[in-house]
């Protein structure tokens, strides 16, 4: 059986990618208030990127199929230091809405950190390390005002 070289190259590339992203983030979001809108999940690589809202990975998930106010997703990712934020984007605009006093109108949360207060947290308050070969469980408890 003669298999074309391009198929061997594709198989080799796929095999190697498994080792690049052999780590997994098991993200568990709790306390989702309702089923309207979407959940916006973002990963940041450092404090400067967090301040500039420059993500290294981001995804949106429709909330219609989220029973019991919880959502879980597994994401293969590279190893390193990261911080994760979640926005309960109830009106699906892709950004946080605030009232006239600057208080968030939508739910939000951070990796393994229940944020207390109105000021934006520091990256060091919610960062974590994803080691090679690790499955890291990240729990986010959404907060609403």
C-alpha atoms as a PDB file:
ATOM      1  CA  UNK A   1       0.000   0.000   0.000  1.00  0.00           C
ATOM      2  CA  UNK A   2       1.512   3.277  -1.100  1.00  0.00           C
ATOM      3  CA  UNK A   3       0.352   6.242   1.043  1.00  0.00           C
ATOM      4  CA  UNK A   4       1.167   9.685  -0.398  1.00  0.00           C
ATOM      5  CA  UNK A   5       3.823  11.635   1.472  1.00  0.00           C
ATOM      6  CA  UNK A   6       1.479  14.575   2.181  1.00  0.00           C
ATOM      7  CA  UNK A   7      -0.738  12.299   4.308  1.00  0.00           C
ATOM      8  CA  UNK A   8       2.259  11.175   6.361  1.00  0.00           C
ATOM      9  CA  UNK A   9       3.194  14.812   6.909  1.00  0.00           C
ATOM     10  CA  UNK A  10      -0.347  15.669   8.041  1.00  0.00           C
ATOM     11  CA  UNK A  11      -0.422  12.686  10.394  1.00  0.00           C
ATOM     12  CA  UNK A  12       2.960  13.715  11.830  1.00  0.00           C
ATOM     13  CA  UNK A  13       1.789  17.300  12.340  1.00  0.00           C
ATOM     14  CA  UNK A  14      -1.364  16.139  14.140  1.00  0.00           C
ATOM     15  CA  UNK A  15       0.673  13.758  16.326  1.00  0.00           C
ATOM     16  CA  UNK A  16       3.091  16.542  17.308  1.00  0.00           C
ATOM     17  CA  UNK A  17       0.290  19.009  18.115  1.00  0.00           C
ATOM     18  CA  UNK A  18      -1.023  16.558  20.707  1.00  0.00           C
ATOM     19  CA  UNK A  19       2.203  17.023  22.645  1.00  0.00           C
ATOM     20  CA  UNK A  20       2.242  20.821  22.315  1.00  0.00           C
ATOM     21  CA  UNK A  21      -1.203  21.060  23.940  1.00  0.00           C
ATOM     22  CA  UNK A  22      -1.029  18.012  26.214  1.00  0.00           C
ATOM     23  CA  UNK A  23      -2.310  20.219  29.051  1.00  0.00           C
ATOM     24  CA  UNK A  24      -5.987  20.839  29.713  1.00  0.00           C
ATOM     25  CA  UNK A  25      -7.914  23.580  31.469  1.00  0.00           C
ATOM     26  CA  UNK A  26     -11.082  22.229  33.064  1.00  0.00           C
ATOM     27  CA  UNK A  27     -13.089  25.439  33.538  1.00  0.00           C
ATOM     28  CA  UNK A  28     -16.113  25.299  35.863  1.00  0.00           C
ATOM     29  CA  UNK A  29     -18.316  28.381  35.993  1.00  0.00           C
ATOM     30  CA  UNK A  30     -20.886  28.591  38.777  1.00  0.00           C
ATOM     31  CA  UNK A  31     -23.661  30.948  39.885  1.00  0.00           C
ATOM     32  CA  UNK A  32     -24.894  31.805  36.367  1.00  0.00           C
ATOM     33  CA  UNK A  33     -27.945  33.993  36.956  1.00  0.00           C
ATOM     34  CA  UNK A  34     -30.071  33.259  33.872  1.00  0.00           C
ATOM     35  CA  UNK A  35     -30.111  31.702  30.391  1.00  0.00           C
ATOM     36  CA  UNK A  36     -30.000  34.851  28.249  1.00  0.00           C
ATOM     37  CA  UNK A  37     -26.920  36.042  26.406  1.00  0.00           C
ATOM     38  CA  UNK A  38     -23.520  34.405  26.407  1.00  0.00           C
ATOM     39  CA  UNK A  39     -20.540  33.608  28.588  1.00  0.00           C
ATOM     40  CA  UNK A  40     -17.313  35.262  27.433  1.00  0.00           C
ATOM     41  CA  UNK A  41     -14.177  33.473  28.663  1.00  0.00           C
ATOM     42  CA  UNK A  42     -10.757  35.081  28.227  1.00  0.00           C
ATOM     43  CA  UNK A  43      -7.213  33.999  29.084  1.00  0.00           C
ATOM     44  CA  UNK A  44      -4.453  36.525  29.685  1.00  0.00           C
ATOM     45  CA  UNK A  45      -0.710  35.792  29.698  1.00  0.00           C
ATOM     46  CA  UNK A  46       0.439  38.604  31.993  1.00  0.00           C
ATOM     47  CA  UNK A  47      -0.514  41.780  33.854  1.00  0.00           C
ATOM     48  CA  UNK A  48       0.193  44.144  30.949  1.00  0.00           C
ATOM     49  CA  UNK A  49      -2.026  42.125  28.602  1.00  0.00           C
ATOM     50  CA  UNK A  50      -4.794  42.016  31.226  1.00  0.00           C
ATOM     51  CA  UNK A  51      -4.684  45.796  31.646  1.00  0.00           C
ATOM     52  CA  UNK A  52      -4.761  46.255  27.861  1.00  0.00           C
ATOM     53  CA  UNK A  53      -7.483  43.580  27.511  1.00  0.00           C
ATOM     54  CA  UNK A  54      -5.235  41.687  25.071  1.00  0.00           C
ATOM     55  CA  UNK A  55      -6.199  38.027  25.330  1.00  0.00           C
ATOM     56  CA  UNK A  56      -4.099  35.019  24.390  1.00  0.00           C
ATOM     57  CA  UNK A  57      -7.299  32.969  24.017  1.00  0.00           C
ATOM     58  CA  UNK A  58     -10.997  33.859  24.104  1.00  0.00           C
ATOM     59  CA  UNK A  59     -14.299  32.122  23.438  1.00  0.00           C
ATOM     60  CA  UNK A  60     -18.022  32.775  23.751  1.00  0.00           C
ATOM     61  CA  UNK A  61     -20.633  30.210  24.728  1.00  0.00           C
ATOM     62  CA  UNK A  62     -24.401  30.573  24.326  1.00  0.00           C
ATOM     63  CA  UNK A  63     -26.146  30.267  27.713  1.00  0.00           C
ATOM     64  CA  UNK A  64     -29.375  28.647  26.451  1.00  0.00           C
ATOM     65  CA  UNK A  65     -28.105  25.128  27.157  1.00  0.00           C
ATOM     66  CA  UNK A  66     -26.651  25.730  30.646  1.00  0.00           C
ATOM     67  CA  UNK A  67     -28.697  23.876  33.271  1.00  0.00           C
ATOM     68  CA  UNK A  68     -28.667  24.660  36.971  1.00  0.00           C
ATOM     69  CA  UNK A  69     -26.609  27.852  36.689  1.00  0.00           C
ATOM     70  CA  UNK A  70     -23.366  26.012  35.893  1.00  0.00           C
ATOM     71  CA  UNK A  71     -21.163  25.502  32.845  1.00  0.00           C
ATOM     72  CA  UNK A  72     -18.079  23.326  32.340  1.00  0.00           C
ATOM     73  CA  UNK A  73     -15.691  23.265  29.388  1.00  0.00           C
ATOM     74  CA  UNK A  74     -12.325  21.553  28.803  1.00  0.00           C
ATOM     75  CA  UNK A  75      -9.754  23.408  26.724  1.00  0.00           C
ATOM     76  CA  UNK A  76      -6.408  21.978  25.558  1.00  0.00           C
ATOM     77  CA  UNK A  77      -3.813  24.687  26.032  1.00  0.00           C
ATOM     78  CA  UNK A  78      -0.080  25.346  26.223  1.00  0.00           C
ATOM     79  CA  UNK A  79       1.719  25.342  29.558  1.00  0.00           C
ATOM     80  CA  UNK A  80       2.595  28.583  31.331  1.00  0.00           C
ATOM     81  CA  UNK A  81       1.262  31.269  33.644  1.00  0.00           C
ATOM     82  CA  UNK A  82      -2.197  32.657  32.877  1.00  0.00           C
ATOM     83  CA  UNK A  83      -5.206  34.435  34.332  1.00  0.00           C
ATOM     84  CA  UNK A  84      -8.785  33.707  33.349  1.00  0.00           C
ATOM     85  CA  UNK A  85     -11.790  36.027  33.405  1.00  0.00           C
ATOM     86  CA  UNK A  86     -15.448  35.376  32.653  1.00  0.00           C
ATOM     87  CA  UNK A  87     -18.161  37.849  31.686  1.00  0.00           C
ATOM     88  CA  UNK A  88     -21.837  36.899  31.887  1.00  0.00           C
ATOM     89  CA  UNK A  89     -22.720  38.959  28.833  1.00  0.00           C
ATOM     90  CA  UNK A  90     -26.506  39.001  29.233  1.00  0.00           C
ATOM     91  CA  UNK A  91     -27.124  41.330  26.274  1.00  0.00           C
ATOM     92  CA  UNK A  92     -24.492  39.670  24.017  1.00  0.00           C
ATOM     93  CA  UNK A  93     -22.553  42.852  23.215  1.00  0.00           C
ATOM     94  CA  UNK A  94     -19.161  41.308  23.987  1.00  0.00           C
ATOM     95  CA  UNK A  95     -18.289  43.891  26.634  1.00  0.00           C
ATOM     96  CA  UNK A  96     -19.130  44.720  30.237  1.00  0.00           C
ATOM     97  CA  UNK A  97     -22.026  47.116  30.782  1.00  0.00           C
ATOM     98  CA  UNK A  98     -21.894  49.614  33.691  1.00  0.00           C
ATOM     99  CA  UNK A  99     -24.491  51.809  35.394  1.00  0.00           C
ATOM    100  CA  UNK A 100     -24.075  55.582  35.863  1.00  0.00           C
ATOM    101  CA  UNK A 101     -21.968  55.037  39.008  1.00  0.00           C
ATOM    102  CA  UNK A 102     -19.578  52.674  37.238  1.00  0.00           C
ATOM    103  CA  UNK A 103     -20.949  49.523  38.877  1.00  0.00           C
ATOM    104  CA  UNK A 104     -21.084  46.466  36.571  1.00  0.00           C
ATOM    105  CA  UNK A 105     -24.564  45.557  35.341  1.00  0.00           C
ATOM    106  CA  UNK A 106     -23.521  42.052  34.297  1.00  0.00           C
ATOM    107  CA  UNK A 107     -21.921  39.163  36.134  1.00  0.00           C
ATOM    108  CA  UNK A 108     -18.182  38.559  36.129  1.00  0.00           C
ATOM    109  CA  UNK A 109     -15.588  36.318  37.717  1.00  0.00           C
ATOM    110  CA  UNK A 110     -11.932  35.332  37.764  1.00  0.00           C
ATOM    111  CA  UNK A 111      -9.978  32.091  38.009  1.00  0.00           C
ATOM    112  CA  UNK A 112     -10.185  30.658  41.538  1.00  0.00           C
ATOM    113  CA  UNK A 113     -10.737  34.156  42.970  1.00  0.00           C
ATOM    114  CA  UNK A 114     -13.989  35.583  44.272  1.00  0.00           C
ATOM    115  CA  UNK A 115     -13.486  39.295  43.703  1.00  0.00           C
ATOM    116  CA  UNK A 116     -14.569  41.507  46.590  1.00  0.00           C
ATOM    117  CA  UNK A 117     -15.054  45.138  45.758  1.00  0.00           C
ATOM    118  CA  UNK A 118     -15.525  47.373  42.762  1.00  0.00           C
ATOM    119  CA  UNK A 119     -11.927  47.920  41.648  1.00  0.00           C
ATOM    120  CA  UNK A 120     -10.512  45.741  38.943  1.00  0.00           C
ATOM    121  CA  UNK A 121      -8.382  42.957  40.489  1.00  0.00           C
ATOM    122  CA  UNK A 122      -4.658  42.665  39.962  1.00  0.00           C
ATOM    123  CA  UNK A 123      -3.416  39.908  37.671  1.00  0.00           C
ATOM    124  CA  UNK A 124      -1.615  38.325  40.626  1.00  0.00           C
ATOM    125  CA  UNK A 125      -4.943  37.927  42.431  1.00  0.00           C
ATOM    126  CA  UNK A 126      -6.228  35.372  39.911  1.00  0.00           C
ATOM    127  CA  UNK A 127      -3.236  33.985  38.008  1.00  0.00           C
ATOM    128  CA  UNK A 128      -2.304  30.296  37.918  1.00  0.00           C
ATOM    129  CA  UNK A 129       0.328  27.988  36.421  1.00  0.00           C
ATOM    130  CA  UNK A 130      -0.531  25.256  33.938  1.00  0.00           C
ATOM    131  CA  UNK A 131       2.252  22.666  34.053  1.00  0.00           C
ATOM    132  CA  UNK A 132       3.184  20.307  31.225  1.00  0.00           C
ATOM    133  CA  UNK A 133       0.863  17.297  31.093  1.00  0.00           C
ATOM    134  CA  UNK A 134      -1.449  18.757  33.756  1.00  0.00           C
ATOM    135  CA  UNK A 135      -5.235  18.955  33.816  1.00  0.00           C
ATOM    136  CA  UNK A 136      -5.944  22.087  35.848  1.00  0.00           C
ATOM    137  CA  UNK A 137      -9.382  22.624  37.373  1.00  0.00           C
ATOM    138  CA  UNK A 138     -10.329  26.309  37.402  1.00  0.00           C
ATOM    139  CA  UNK A 139     -13.451  27.349  39.281  1.00  0.00           C
ATOM    140  CA  UNK A 140     -15.102  30.708  38.597  1.00  0.00           C
ATOM    141  CA  UNK A 141     -17.899  31.904  40.857  1.00  0.00           C
ATOM    142  CA  UNK A 142     -19.750  34.691  39.062  1.00  0.00           C
ATOM    143  CA  UNK A 143     -20.540  37.860  40.998  1.00  0.00           C
ATOM    144  CA  UNK A 144     -23.469  40.198  40.362  1.00  0.00           C
ATOM    145  CA  UNK A 145     -24.363  43.575  41.902  1.00  0.00           C
END
